[in-house]
Amino acid sequence: MGWLLIIIVVGFAVVWPVAQLQVRAFAEGGSAFARMMRIGDTIWTTVVLAVASSVPAVAAVTGWIFLLSSKVGYLNMALRKLPLTSLCAVRMSNMVNI
């Protein structure tokens, strides 16, 4: 019952505003879309922002892989050289949900 209530509340909070926007956009025969003179610029900006926002995430993941890789990770290699820390080296394969 609890999950059903959460799904209904979140669904309503997401679907209702989107539905209202669509109703207003298509009111009066879709004249709101006709007034958008630069739709191509809007789509291009959206695509550029979507691609650009994914670059930092890819770089961050790659950086952590270089640092924590179980065999060649720079951080793990440095930890192995310290006394008593060779047992504590981070292993990506031992991490949960990765």
Protein backbone atom coordinates (compact mmCIF):
# COMPACT_ATOMS: atom_id res chain seq x y z
CA MET A 1 0.00 0.00 0.00
CA GLY A 2 2.86 2.38 0.82
CA TRP A 3 4.58 1.94 -2.57
CA LEU A 4 1.31 2.37 -4.41
CA LEU A 5 0.70 5.68 -2.64
CA ILE A 6 4.22 6.89 -3.47
CA ILE A 7 3.78 5.91 -7.13
CA ILE A 8 0.45 7.72 -7.33
CA VAL A 9 1.78 10.91 -5.68
CA VAL A 10 4.98 11.04 -7.75
CA GLY A 11 3.11 10.12 -10.92
CA PHE A 12 0.61 12.90 -10.34
CA ALA A 13 3.38 15.39 -9.52
CA VAL A 14 5.11 14.57 -12.82
CA VAL A 15 2.23 13.89 -15.20
CA TRP A 16 -0.09 16.76 -14.21
CA PRO A 17 2.32 19.65 -15.02
CA VAL A 18 3.40 18.00 -18.28
CA ALA A 19 -0.22 17.47 -19.28
CA GLN A 20 -1.03 21.11 -18.50
CA LEU A 21 1.89 22.29 -20.64
CA GLN A 22 0.76 20.18 -23.57
CA VAL A 23 -2.83 21.37 -23.29
CA ARG A 24 -1.68 25.00 -23.32
CA ALA A 25 0.79 24.42 -26.16
CA PHE A 26 -1.84 22.89 -28.42
CA ALA A 27 -4.61 25.35 -27.48
CA GLU A 28 -5.88 27.48 -30.33
CA GLY A 29 -4.67 25.08 -33.01
CA GLY A 30 -1.08 24.89 -31.81
CA SER A 31 -0.40 28.59 -32.35
CA ALA A 32 2.25 28.52 -29.61
CA PHE A 33 4.40 26.28 -31.78
CA ALA A 34 3.90 28.53 -34.79
CA ARG A 35 5.19 31.51 -32.76
CA MET A 36 8.43 29.66 -31.99
CA MET A 37 10.52 30.98 -34.85
CA ARG A 38 13.82 29.42 -33.79
CA ILE A 39 12.84 25.82 -33.04
CA GLY A 40 15.98 24.58 -34.83
CA ASP A 41 18.16 26.66 -32.50
CA THR A 42 16.29 25.32 -29.51
CA ILE A 43 16.76 21.70 -30.57
CA TRP A 44 20.46 22.30 -31.38
CA THR A 45 21.07 23.89 -27.97
CA THR A 46 19.34 20.98 -26.24
CA VAL A 47 21.50 18.43 -28.06
CA VAL A 48 24.72 20.34 -27.35
CA LEU A 49 23.89 20.68 -23.65
CA ALA A 50 22.98 16.99 -23.37
CA VAL A 51 26.25 15.87 -24.96
CA ALA A 52 28.35 18.39 -23.02
CA SER A 53 26.83 17.36 -19.70
CA SER A 54 27.77 13.72 -20.26
CA VAL A 55 31.49 14.50 -20.81
CA PRO A 56 32.32 15.31 -17.15
CA ALA A 57 30.61 12.12 -15.99
CA VAL A 58 32.62 9.97 -18.40
CA ALA A 59 35.83 11.71 -17.36
CA ALA A 60 35.08 11.19 -13.67
CA VAL A 61 34.36 7.49 -14.13
CA THR A 62 37.52 7.02 -16.16
CA GLY A 63 39.54 8.85 -13.52
CA TRP A 64 38.26 6.63 -10.72
CA ILE A 65 39.00 3.54 -12.79
CA PHE A 66 42.60 4.71 -13.27
CA LEU A 67 42.92 5.33 -9.54
CA LEU A 68 41.18 2.25 -8.15
CA SER A 69 41.68 -0.50 -10.71
CA SER A 70 42.58 -3.66 -8.79
CA LYS A 71 45.71 -4.45 -10.82
CA VAL A 72 47.02 -1.20 -12.30
CA GLY A 73 45.23 1.52 -10.32
CA TYR A 74 47.64 4.28 -9.36
CA LEU A 75 46.19 4.61 -5.87
CA ASN A 76 46.26 0.85 -5.31
CA MET A 77 49.86 0.64 -6.53
CA ALA A 78 50.87 3.37 -4.07
CA LEU A 79 49.01 1.66 -1.22
CA ARG A 80 50.73 -1.63 -1.95
CA LYS A 81 54.12 -0.01 -1.41
CA LEU A 82 53.23 1.18 2.08
CA PRO A 83 53.77 -1.22 5.00
CA LEU A 84 50.64 -2.97 6.33
CA THR A 85 48.39 -1.42 3.70
CA SER A 86 48.78 -4.09 1.06
CA LEU A 87 45.87 -5.86 2.72
CA CYS A 88 43.69 -2.76 2.45
CA ALA A 89 44.11 -1.94 -1.24
CA VAL A 90 40.81 -1.05 -2.83
CA ARG A 91 39.51 -3.66 -5.24
CA MET A 92 36.76 -2.64 -7.61
CA SER A 93 35.60 -6.25 -7.84
CA ASN A 94 34.96 -6.31 -4.07
CA MET A 95 32.73 -3.25 -4.10
CA VAL A 96 29.01 -3.86 -3.96
CA ASN A 97 26.76 -2.78 -6.86
CA ILE A 98 29.50 -1.90 -9.30
